Amino acid sequence: MKVFVLVLTLVLSGLALVSCGVSPLLHHDTPNREPQSEPDSQSQDSDTSAEPRQKCDFLFSAQNLCATLAWVKKSSAEEPGEFLLSFWSKNQNPNQAIVLSNPDADRVFVKLWMPDMGHGSSPVTTSQALESNGSPRTGVFRATGVFFVMGGKWEIVVQLKDASGGIKETAKMIYYVNQ
């Protein structure tokens, strides 16, 4: 019986060290970084156009779209953050061919997910971004209420939905949070 209690104590102690939060054993080398997306199979460096391209943080290959994330305000333990998503056609310069407009604003969704822990965060609100004069910014969407509930590896997931609410395509990037 004493051996069983000792083994159970060791197992539970080990689980506590590697469970939620920043483990002293596992997450010690995970710095806070800018978002990192999965490598794009069609490198933008091979493009021969004279116009510079922005980095494609989110690739929607079936829709032939790219989106770039730009932080307006990073989240902290006290306040949620905010970022902009700018969309363009993968074949064209993002400064000349923004393709999502106002009617699409309600079809862009952002979700924060912590894959190692199996949970997400509070809902993120997505809306059409506005110019300083109040007019809509074509192809640019504002994500507010961005809050990472704990440190670690997160996925920023962007979903494009159709008019009936069905998911047309999903893209994600990895984002590391130290808290």
N, C-alpha and C. Protein backbone atom coordinates (compact mmCIF):
# COMPACT_ATOMS: atom_id res chain seq x y z
N MET A 1 0.83 -1.19 0.00
CA MET A 1 0.00 0.00 0.00
C MET A 1 0.87 1.26 0.00
N LYS A 2 1.96 1.26 0.78
CA LYS A 2 2.83 2.43 0.83
C LYS A 2 3.48 2.68 -0.53
N VAL A 3 3.82 1.59 -1.25
CA VAL A 3 4.42 1.74 -2.58
C VAL A 3 3.41 2.38 -3.54
N PHE A 4 2.16 1.95 -3.47
CA PHE A 4 1.12 2.52 -4.32
C PHE A 4 0.96 4.02 -4.06
N VAL A 5 0.91 4.42 -2.81
CA VAL A 5 0.76 5.82 -2.45
C VAL A 5 1.97 6.62 -2.93
N LEU A 6 3.16 6.07 -2.80
CA LEU A 6 4.38 6.75 -3.25
C LEU A 6 4.37 6.92 -4.78
N VAL A 7 3.99 5.86 -5.51
CA VAL A 7 3.94 5.94 -6.97
C VAL A 7 2.88 6.95 -7.40
N LEU A 8 1.70 6.92 -6.77
CA LEU A 8 0.63 7.86 -7.10
C LEU A 8 1.08 9.29 -6.84
N THR A 9 1.76 9.53 -5.74
CA THR A 9 2.27 10.86 -5.41
C THR A 9 3.27 11.34 -6.46
N LEU A 10 4.17 10.46 -6.89
CA LEU A 10 5.15 10.82 -7.90
C LEU A 10 4.49 11.14 -9.24
N VAL A 11 3.50 10.33 -9.62
CA VAL A 11 2.80 10.56 -10.88
C VAL A 11 2.04 11.88 -10.84
N LEU A 12 1.32 12.15 -9.78
CA LEU A 12 0.56 13.40 -9.67
C LEU A 12 1.49 14.60 -9.61
N SER A 13 2.63 14.48 -8.96
CA SER A 13 3.61 15.58 -8.92
C SER A 13 4.16 15.85 -10.32
N GLY A 14 4.44 14.79 -11.04
CA GLY A 14 4.93 14.95 -12.42
C GLY A 14 3.90 15.62 -13.30
N LEU A 15 2.64 15.24 -13.18
CA LEU A 15 1.58 15.87 -13.96
C LEU A 15 1.43 17.35 -13.61
N ALA A 16 1.57 17.68 -12.35
CA ALA A 16 1.46 19.08 -11.94
C ALA A 16 2.57 19.92 -12.56
N LEU A 17 3.75 19.34 -12.74
CA LEU A 17 4.86 20.10 -13.34
C LEU A 17 4.68 20.35 -14.82
N VAL A 18 3.94 19.50 -15.53
CA VAL A 18 3.81 19.66 -16.97
C VAL A 18 2.41 20.07 -17.41
N SER A 19 1.52 20.41 -16.47
CA SER A 19 0.15 20.76 -16.84
C SER A 19 0.05 22.25 -17.15
N CYS A 20 -1.15 22.81 -17.04
CA CYS A 20 -1.41 24.21 -17.40
C CYS A 20 -0.41 25.16 -16.77
N GLY A 21 -0.13 26.22 -17.49
CA GLY A 21 0.79 27.23 -17.00
C GLY A 21 2.18 27.02 -17.56
N VAL A 22 3.10 27.80 -17.09
CA VAL A 22 4.48 27.72 -17.55
C VAL A 22 5.22 26.77 -16.63
N SER A 23 5.54 25.61 -17.13
CA SER A 23 6.22 24.59 -16.36
C SER A 23 7.68 24.94 -16.16
N PRO A 24 8.24 24.71 -14.99
CA PRO A 24 9.67 24.93 -14.80
C PRO A 24 10.50 23.92 -15.58
N LEU A 25 9.87 22.83 -16.06
CA LEU A 25 10.60 21.82 -16.80
C LEU A 25 10.47 21.94 -18.30
N LEU A 26 9.31 22.40 -18.80
CA LEU A 26 9.05 22.31 -20.23
C LEU A 26 9.07 23.63 -21.00
N HIS A 27 8.50 24.68 -20.49
CA HIS A 27 8.32 25.89 -21.29
C HIS A 27 9.37 26.96 -21.00
N HIS A 28 10.50 26.59 -20.48
CA HIS A 28 11.49 27.58 -20.08
C HIS A 28 12.19 28.26 -21.24
N ASP A 29 12.14 27.72 -22.43
CA ASP A 29 12.83 28.34 -23.56
C ASP A 29 11.87 28.90 -24.60
N THR A 30 10.66 29.24 -24.20
CA THR A 30 9.66 29.74 -25.14
C THR A 30 9.51 31.25 -24.96
N PRO A 31 10.23 32.05 -25.76
CA PRO A 31 10.12 33.51 -25.63
C PRO A 31 8.84 34.02 -26.24
N ASN A 32 8.45 35.23 -25.85
CA ASN A 32 7.31 35.87 -26.49
C ASN A 32 7.77 36.32 -27.87
N ARG A 33 7.10 35.89 -28.91
CA ARG A 33 7.52 36.17 -30.27
C ARG A 33 6.37 36.77 -31.06
N GLU A 34 6.75 37.36 -32.18
CA GLU A 34 5.73 37.78 -33.14
C GLU A 34 5.06 36.51 -33.66
N PRO A 35 3.85 36.62 -34.18
CA PRO A 35 3.18 35.44 -34.72
C PRO A 35 4.04 34.71 -35.74
N GLN A 36 3.99 33.40 -35.69
CA GLN A 36 4.73 32.56 -36.63
C GLN A 36 3.73 31.68 -37.36
N SER A 37 3.63 31.84 -38.66
CA SER A 37 2.72 31.00 -39.42
C SER A 37 3.48 29.82 -39.97
N GLU A 38 2.72 28.83 -40.42
CA GLU A 38 3.35 27.69 -41.06
C GLU A 38 3.95 28.15 -42.38
N PRO A 39 5.06 27.56 -42.81
CA PRO A 39 5.70 28.01 -44.04
C PRO A 39 4.77 27.94 -45.24
N ASP A 40 4.84 28.95 -46.06
CA ASP A 40 4.04 29.03 -47.27
C ASP A 40 4.72 28.19 -48.34
N SER A 41 3.98 27.26 -48.96
CA SER A 41 4.59 26.37 -49.93
C SER A 41 5.02 27.10 -51.20
N GLN A 42 4.40 28.24 -51.50
CA GLN A 42 4.82 29.04 -52.64
C GLN A 42 5.49 30.28 -52.11
N SER A 43 6.80 30.25 -52.06
CA SER A 43 7.55 31.35 -51.48
C SER A 43 7.29 32.65 -52.22
N GLN A 44 7.08 33.71 -51.44
CA GLN A 44 6.85 35.01 -52.04
C GLN A 44 8.16 35.58 -52.60
N ASP A 45 9.31 35.06 -52.18
CA ASP A 45 10.59 35.54 -52.66
C ASP A 45 10.79 35.21 -54.13
N SER A 46 10.10 34.19 -54.64
CA SER A 46 10.27 33.81 -56.04
C SER A 46 9.45 34.69 -56.98
N ASP A 47 8.65 35.59 -56.42
CA ASP A 47 7.84 36.48 -57.24
C ASP A 47 8.75 37.48 -57.95
N THR A 48 8.53 37.70 -59.22
CA THR A 48 9.39 38.60 -59.99
C THR A 48 8.78 39.98 -60.15
N SER A 49 7.63 40.26 -59.53
CA SER A 49 7.03 41.58 -59.68
C SER A 49 7.88 42.62 -58.97
N ALA A 50 7.78 43.85 -59.44
CA ALA A 50 8.55 44.94 -58.86
C ALA A 50 7.97 45.40 -57.53
N GLU A 51 6.71 45.11 -57.29
CA GLU A 51 6.05 45.53 -56.06
C GLU A 51 6.41 44.60 -54.90
N PRO A 52 6.77 45.15 -53.74
CA PRO A 52 7.06 44.27 -52.60
C PRO A 52 5.77 43.66 -52.07
N ARG A 53 5.85 42.43 -51.61
CA ARG A 53 4.68 41.76 -51.04
C ARG A 53 4.81 41.74 -49.53
N GLN A 54 3.66 41.80 -48.87
CA GLN A 54 3.63 41.62 -47.43
C GLN A 54 3.71 40.13 -47.12
N LYS A 55 4.10 39.81 -45.92
CA LYS A 55 4.14 38.42 -45.49
C LYS A 55 2.72 37.87 -45.38
N CYS A 56 2.51 36.67 -45.83
CA CYS A 56 1.21 36.01 -45.76
C CYS A 56 1.14 35.24 -44.44
N ASP A 57 0.63 35.90 -43.38
CA ASP A 57 0.52 35.25 -42.08
C ASP A 57 -0.52 34.13 -42.09
N PHE A 58 -1.60 34.34 -42.84
CA PHE A 58 -2.68 33.36 -42.95
C PHE A 58 -2.91 33.08 -44.43
N LEU A 59 -2.72 31.84 -44.84
CA LEU A 59 -2.93 31.45 -46.23
C LEU A 59 -4.23 30.67 -46.34
N PHE A 60 -5.14 31.15 -47.17
CA PHE A 60 -6.39 30.48 -47.47
C PHE A 60 -6.27 29.99 -48.91
N SER A 61 -5.67 28.82 -49.09
CA SER A 61 -5.32 28.35 -50.44
C SER A 61 -6.56 28.09 -51.30
N ALA A 62 -7.62 27.55 -50.75
CA ALA A 62 -8.82 27.29 -51.55
C ALA A 62 -9.46 28.58 -52.03
N GLN A 63 -9.34 29.64 -51.25
CA GLN A 63 -9.90 30.94 -51.62
C GLN A 63 -8.87 31.80 -52.36
N ASN A 64 -7.62 31.34 -52.42
CA ASN A 64 -6.51 32.08 -53.03
C ASN A 64 -6.32 33.44 -52.35
N LEU A 65 -6.42 33.44 -51.02
CA LEU A 65 -6.30 34.67 -50.23
C LEU A 65 -5.15 34.58 -49.25
N CYS A 66 -4.59 35.72 -48.93
CA CYS A 66 -3.63 35.88 -47.84
C CYS A 66 -4.19 36.91 -46.88
N ALA A 67 -3.76 36.83 -45.63
CA ALA A 67 -4.08 37.86 -44.65
C ALA A 67 -2.83 38.11 -43.81
N THR A 68 -2.64 39.35 -43.43
CA THR A 68 -1.53 39.75 -42.59
C THR A 68 -2.08 40.28 -41.27
N LEU A 69 -1.45 39.90 -40.17
CA LEU A 69 -1.85 40.36 -38.84
C LEU A 69 -0.92 41.49 -38.44
N ALA A 70 -1.50 42.61 -37.98
CA ALA A 70 -0.72 43.74 -37.46
C ALA A 70 -1.31 44.15 -36.11
N TRP A 71 -0.50 44.06 -35.06
CA TRP A 71 -0.97 44.41 -33.73
C TRP A 71 -1.22 45.91 -33.61
N VAL A 72 -2.38 46.27 -33.09
CA VAL A 72 -2.68 47.65 -32.72
C VAL A 72 -2.27 47.82 -31.26
N LYS A 73 -2.62 46.81 -30.44
CA LYS A 73 -2.26 46.79 -29.02
C LYS A 73 -2.19 45.33 -28.60
N LYS A 74 -1.02 44.91 -28.11
CA LYS A 74 -0.88 43.53 -27.63
C LYS A 74 -1.59 43.39 -26.30
N SER A 75 -2.12 42.20 -26.06
CA SER A 75 -2.84 41.97 -24.81
C SER A 75 -1.85 41.86 -23.65
N SER A 76 -2.35 42.18 -22.48
CA SER A 76 -1.55 42.05 -21.25
C SER A 76 -2.42 41.34 -20.22
N ALA A 77 -1.88 41.13 -19.04
CA ALA A 77 -2.65 40.48 -17.99
C ALA A 77 -3.83 41.36 -17.56
N GLU A 78 -3.70 42.69 -17.77
CA GLU A 78 -4.74 43.62 -17.34
C GLU A 78 -5.75 43.96 -18.43
N GLU A 79 -5.30 43.96 -19.71
CA GLU A 79 -6.17 44.42 -20.78
C GLU A 79 -6.10 43.51 -22.00
N PRO A 80 -7.25 43.33 -22.66
CA PRO A 80 -7.22 42.58 -23.92
C PRO A 80 -6.53 43.39 -25.02
N GLY A 81 -6.05 42.69 -26.02
CA GLY A 81 -5.37 43.33 -27.13
C GLY A 81 -6.28 43.52 -28.33
N GLU A 82 -5.66 44.02 -29.41
CA GLU A 82 -6.40 44.31 -30.63
C GLU A 82 -5.42 44.20 -31.81
N PHE A 83 -5.90 43.62 -32.92
CA PHE A 83 -5.07 43.59 -34.13
C PHE A 83 -5.92 43.78 -35.37
N LEU A 84 -5.23 44.09 -36.48
CA LEU A 84 -5.88 44.24 -37.77
C LEU A 84 -5.51 43.07 -38.66
N LEU A 85 -6.47 42.60 -39.44
CA LEU A 85 -6.24 41.57 -40.46
C LEU A 85 -6.47 42.22 -41.81
N SER A 86 -5.46 42.22 -42.67
CA SER A 86 -5.58 42.78 -44.02
C SER A 86 -5.55 41.63 -45.02
N PHE A 87 -6.57 41.56 -45.88
CA PHE A 87 -6.72 40.48 -46.85
C PHE A 87 -6.40 40.95 -48.25
N TRP A 88 -5.82 40.05 -49.06
CA TRP A 88 -5.60 40.32 -50.48
C TRP A 88 -5.52 39.01 -51.24
N SER A 89 -5.67 39.10 -52.56
CA SER A 89 -5.55 37.93 -53.42
C SER A 89 -4.09 37.51 -53.46
N LYS A 90 -3.84 36.22 -53.33
CA LYS A 90 -2.48 35.69 -53.30
C LYS A 90 -1.70 36.02 -54.57
N ASN A 91 -2.38 36.16 -55.70
CA ASN A 91 -1.71 36.41 -56.98
C ASN A 91 -1.32 37.86 -57.19
N GLN A 92 -1.84 38.78 -56.38
CA GLN A 92 -1.66 40.19 -56.66
C GLN A 92 -1.02 40.92 -55.49
N ASN A 93 -0.53 42.11 -55.76
CA ASN A 93 0.08 42.93 -54.72
C ASN A 93 -0.99 43.31 -53.70
N PRO A 94 -0.72 43.14 -52.41
CA PRO A 94 -1.73 43.42 -51.40
C PRO A 94 -2.13 44.89 -51.34
N ASN A 95 -1.28 45.79 -51.81
CA ASN A 95 -1.63 47.20 -51.78
C ASN A 95 -2.52 47.60 -52.95
N GLN A 96 -2.68 46.73 -53.93
CA GLN A 96 -3.48 47.06 -55.10
C GLN A 96 -4.73 46.20 -55.24
N ALA A 97 -4.81 45.08 -54.57
CA ALA A 97 -5.90 44.14 -54.86
C ALA A 97 -6.52 43.57 -53.60
N ILE A 98 -7.02 44.42 -52.72
CA ILE A 98 -7.70 43.94 -51.54
C ILE A 98 -9.07 43.44 -51.96
N VAL A 99 -9.44 42.25 -51.52
CA VAL A 99 -10.60 41.59 -52.10
C VAL A 99 -11.81 41.42 -51.19
N LEU A 100 -11.66 41.53 -49.89
CA LEU A 100 -12.83 41.39 -49.02
C LEU A 100 -13.36 42.79 -48.69
N SER A 101 -14.65 42.97 -48.80
CA SER A 101 -15.23 44.28 -48.54
C SER A 101 -16.31 44.19 -47.47
N ASN A 102 -17.02 45.28 -47.26
CA ASN A 102 -17.98 45.38 -46.16
C ASN A 102 -18.94 44.20 -46.02
N PRO A 103 -19.57 43.71 -47.09
CA PRO A 103 -20.51 42.60 -46.90
C PRO A 103 -19.85 41.36 -46.32
N ASP A 104 -18.53 41.24 -46.43
CA ASP A 104 -17.84 40.07 -45.92
C ASP A 104 -17.46 40.20 -44.44
N ALA A 105 -17.63 41.38 -43.85
CA ALA A 105 -17.15 41.61 -42.49
C ALA A 105 -17.73 40.62 -41.49
N ASP A 106 -18.99 40.26 -41.66
CA ASP A 106 -19.60 39.33 -40.71
C ASP A 106 -19.21 37.88 -41.00
N ARG A 107 -18.36 37.66 -41.97
CA ARG A 107 -17.95 36.30 -42.32
C ARG A 107 -16.50 36.02 -41.97
N VAL A 108 -15.84 36.94 -41.29
CA VAL A 108 -14.45 36.75 -40.84
C VAL A 108 -14.50 36.54 -39.32
N PHE A 109 -14.01 35.39 -38.87
CA PHE A 109 -14.06 35.06 -37.45
C PHE A 109 -12.65 34.76 -36.94
N VAL A 110 -12.37 35.16 -35.70
CA VAL A 110 -11.08 34.89 -35.06
C VAL A 110 -11.34 34.14 -33.78
N LYS A 111 -10.54 33.14 -33.55
CA LYS A 111 -10.65 32.34 -32.32
C LYS A 111 -9.23 32.11 -31.79
N LEU A 112 -9.08 32.15 -30.50
CA LEU A 112 -7.80 31.88 -29.83
C LEU A 112 -7.88 30.49 -29.22
N TRP A 113 -6.89 29.64 -29.51
CA TRP A 113 -6.93 28.26 -29.06
C TRP A 113 -5.56 27.85 -28.55
N MET A 114 -5.53 27.17 -27.42
CA MET A 114 -4.30 26.67 -26.82
C MET A 114 -4.28 25.15 -27.03
N PRO A 115 -3.62 24.67 -28.11
CA PRO A 115 -3.71 23.26 -28.47
C PRO A 115 -3.14 22.31 -27.42
N ASP A 116 -2.08 22.71 -26.74
CA ASP A 116 -1.47 21.83 -25.73
C ASP A 116 -2.36 21.65 -24.51
N MET A 117 -3.27 22.59 -24.26
CA MET A 117 -4.13 22.53 -23.09
C MET A 117 -5.57 22.16 -23.43
N GLY A 118 -5.93 22.22 -24.72
CA GLY A 118 -7.28 21.84 -25.14
C GLY A 118 -8.35 22.84 -24.77
N HIS A 119 -7.99 24.13 -24.69
CA HIS A 119 -9.00 25.15 -24.40
C HIS A 119 -8.69 26.43 -25.16
N GLY A 120 -9.67 27.30 -25.19
CA GLY A 120 -9.52 28.58 -25.86
C GLY A 120 -9.56 29.72 -24.87
N SER A 121 -9.94 30.87 -25.36
CA SER A 121 -10.03 32.07 -24.55
C SER A 121 -11.39 32.69 -24.76
N SER A 122 -11.58 33.88 -24.20
CA SER A 122 -12.85 34.57 -24.38
C SER A 122 -13.06 34.91 -25.85
N PRO A 123 -14.30 35.09 -26.28
CA PRO A 123 -14.57 35.35 -27.70
C PRO A 123 -13.90 36.64 -28.18
N VAL A 124 -13.40 36.59 -29.40
CA VAL A 124 -12.81 37.75 -30.07
C VAL A 124 -13.89 38.35 -30.96
N THR A 125 -14.01 39.67 -30.96
CA THR A 125 -14.97 40.36 -31.82
C THR A 125 -14.25 40.84 -33.07
N THR A 126 -14.83 40.55 -34.24
CA THR A 126 -14.25 40.96 -35.51
C THR A 126 -15.22 41.91 -36.20
N SER A 127 -14.69 43.03 -36.69
CA SER A 127 -15.52 44.02 -37.39
C SER A 127 -14.72 44.66 -38.50
N GLN A 128 -15.42 45.34 -39.40
CA GLN A 128 -14.76 46.07 -40.49
C GLN A 128 -13.94 47.19 -39.86
N ALA A 129 -12.68 47.34 -40.25
CA ALA A 129 -11.86 48.46 -39.78
C ALA A 129 -12.30 49.73 -40.49
N LEU A 130 -12.13 50.86 -39.81
CA LEU A 130 -12.58 52.14 -40.36
C LEU A 130 -11.40 53.08 -40.59
N GLU A 131 -11.52 53.91 -41.62
CA GLU A 131 -10.56 54.98 -41.86
C GLU A 131 -10.77 56.06 -40.80
N SER A 132 -9.87 57.04 -40.72
CA SER A 132 -10.00 58.11 -39.74
C SER A 132 -11.27 58.94 -39.97
N ASN A 133 -11.77 58.99 -41.21
CA ASN A 133 -13.01 59.73 -41.49
C ASN A 133 -14.27 58.90 -41.25
N GLY A 134 -14.11 57.65 -40.79
CA GLY A 134 -15.25 56.79 -40.49
C GLY A 134 -15.69 55.88 -41.62
N SER A 135 -15.10 56.02 -42.79
CA SER A 135 -15.47 55.14 -43.89
C SER A 135 -14.77 53.79 -43.74
N PRO A 136 -15.38 52.71 -44.24
CA PRO A 136 -14.79 51.37 -44.09
C PRO A 136 -13.45 51.24 -44.83
N ARG A 137 -12.52 50.53 -44.24
CA ARG A 137 -11.25 50.21 -44.91
C ARG A 137 -11.45 48.89 -45.64
N THR A 138 -11.44 48.93 -46.94
CA THR A 138 -11.69 47.75 -47.75
C THR A 138 -10.65 46.68 -47.47
N GLY A 139 -11.12 45.47 -47.16
CA GLY A 139 -10.24 44.32 -46.96
C GLY A 139 -9.52 44.28 -45.63
N VAL A 140 -9.86 45.19 -44.70
CA VAL A 140 -9.17 45.24 -43.40
C VAL A 140 -10.20 45.06 -42.30
N PHE A 141 -9.92 44.16 -41.38
CA PHE A 141 -10.84 43.83 -40.30
C PHE A 141 -10.14 43.97 -38.96
N ARG A 142 -10.86 44.46 -37.97
CA ARG A 142 -10.33 44.71 -36.62
C ARG A 142 -10.78 43.58 -35.70
N ALA A 143 -9.83 42.98 -35.01
CA ALA A 143 -10.13 41.95 -34.01
C ALA A 143 -9.89 42.55 -32.63
N THR A 144 -10.93 42.62 -31.81
CA THR A 144 -10.82 43.19 -30.46
C THR A 144 -11.18 42.13 -29.43
N GLY A 145 -10.81 42.39 -28.19
CA GLY A 145 -11.07 41.42 -27.12
C GLY A 145 -10.11 40.26 -27.18
N VAL A 146 -8.89 40.49 -27.70
CA VAL A 146 -7.88 39.44 -27.82
C VAL A 146 -7.22 39.28 -26.46
N PHE A 147 -7.51 38.16 -25.79
CA PHE A 147 -7.00 37.95 -24.43
C PHE A 147 -6.49 36.52 -24.30
N PHE A 148 -5.22 36.40 -23.96
CA PHE A 148 -4.62 35.09 -23.73
C PHE A 148 -4.67 34.84 -22.23
N VAL A 149 -5.44 33.84 -21.80
CA VAL A 149 -5.71 33.62 -20.38
C VAL A 149 -4.51 33.07 -19.61
N MET A 150 -3.48 32.62 -20.34
CA MET A 150 -2.29 32.09 -19.67
C MET A 150 -1.13 32.08 -20.65
N GLY A 151 0.07 31.95 -20.13
CA GLY A 151 1.24 31.87 -20.99
C GLY A 151 1.33 30.51 -21.67
N GLY A 152 2.08 30.48 -22.79
CA GLY A 152 2.29 29.23 -23.50
C GLY A 152 2.07 29.39 -24.99
N LYS A 153 1.91 28.27 -25.66
CA LYS A 153 1.73 28.23 -27.12
C LYS A 153 0.25 28.36 -27.46
N TRP A 154 -0.08 29.36 -28.26
CA TRP A 154 -1.45 29.62 -28.69
C TRP A 154 -1.54 29.54 -30.21
N GLU A 155 -2.73 29.25 -30.70
CA GLU A 155 -3.03 29.37 -32.12
C GLU A 155 -4.00 30.54 -32.29
N ILE A 156 -3.69 31.42 -33.22
CA ILE A 156 -4.65 32.44 -33.63
C ILE A 156 -5.29 31.87 -34.89
N VAL A 157 -6.58 31.56 -34.80
CA VAL A 157 -7.30 30.87 -35.87
C VAL A 157 -8.23 31.88 -36.54
N VAL A 158 -8.14 31.98 -37.86
CA VAL A 158 -9.04 32.85 -38.63
C VAL A 158 -9.88 31.96 -39.53
N GLN A 159 -11.19 32.14 -39.45
CA GLN A 159 -12.12 31.36 -40.26
C GLN A 159 -12.89 32.28 -41.20
N LEU A 160 -13.05 31.84 -42.43
CA LEU A 160 -13.92 32.51 -43.40
C LEU A 160 -15.17 31.66 -43.52
N LYS A 161 -16.33 32.27 -43.32
CA LYS A 161 -17.59 31.53 -43.35
C LYS A 161 -18.45 32.00 -44.51
N ASP A 162 -19.33 31.12 -44.97
CA ASP A 162 -20.24 31.49 -46.04
C ASP A 162 -21.48 32.15 -45.46
N ALA A 163 -22.41 32.56 -46.31
CA ALA A 163 -23.60 33.30 -45.88
C ALA A 163 -24.45 32.52 -44.88
N SER A 164 -24.41 31.19 -44.94
CA SER A 164 -25.22 30.38 -44.02
C SER A 164 -24.47 30.06 -42.72
N GLY A 165 -23.23 30.54 -42.59
CA GLY A 165 -22.46 30.31 -41.37
C GLY A 165 -21.55 29.11 -41.43
N GLY A 166 -21.55 28.40 -42.54
CA GLY A 166 -20.65 27.25 -42.70
C GLY A 166 -19.22 27.72 -42.94
N ILE A 167 -18.28 26.97 -42.44
CA ILE A 167 -16.87 27.33 -42.59
C ILE A 167 -16.40 27.03 -44.00
N LYS A 168 -15.95 28.08 -44.70
CA LYS A 168 -15.39 27.91 -46.05
C LYS A 168 -13.93 27.49 -45.95
N GLU A 169 -13.18 28.14 -45.06
CA GLU A 169 -11.76 27.82 -44.93
C GLU A 169 -11.23 28.37 -43.62
N THR A 170 -10.21 27.69 -43.09
CA THR A 170 -9.58 28.08 -41.83
C THR A 170 -8.07 28.16 -42.03
N ALA A 171 -7.46 29.17 -41.44
CA ALA A 171 -5.99 29.29 -41.42
C ALA A 171 -5.59 29.68 -40.01
N LYS A 172 -4.38 29.30 -39.61
CA LYS A 172 -3.95 29.61 -38.25
C LYS A 172 -2.46 29.88 -38.22
N MET A 173 -2.05 30.54 -37.15
CA MET A 173 -0.63 30.78 -36.89
C MET A 173 -0.37 30.50 -35.41
N ILE A 174 0.88 30.22 -35.11
CA ILE A 174 1.29 29.97 -33.74
C ILE A 174 1.77 31.28 -33.13
N TYR A 175 1.38 31.52 -31.89
CA TYR A 175 1.78 32.73 -31.16
C TYR A 175 2.15 32.31 -29.74
N TYR A 176 3.33 32.68 -29.28
CA TYR A 176 3.79 32.31 -27.95
C TYR A 176 3.58 33.48 -26.98
N VAL A 177 3.07 33.17 -25.79
CA VAL A 177 2.77 34.18 -24.78
C VAL A 177 3.52 33.83 -23.49
N ASN A 178 4.26 34.79 -22.97
CA ASN A 178 4.88 34.67 -21.64
C ASN A 178 4.09 35.54 -20.69
N GLN A 179 3.64 34.97 -19.59
CA GLN A 179 2.91 35.76 -18.60
C GLN A 179 3.44 35.48 -17.24
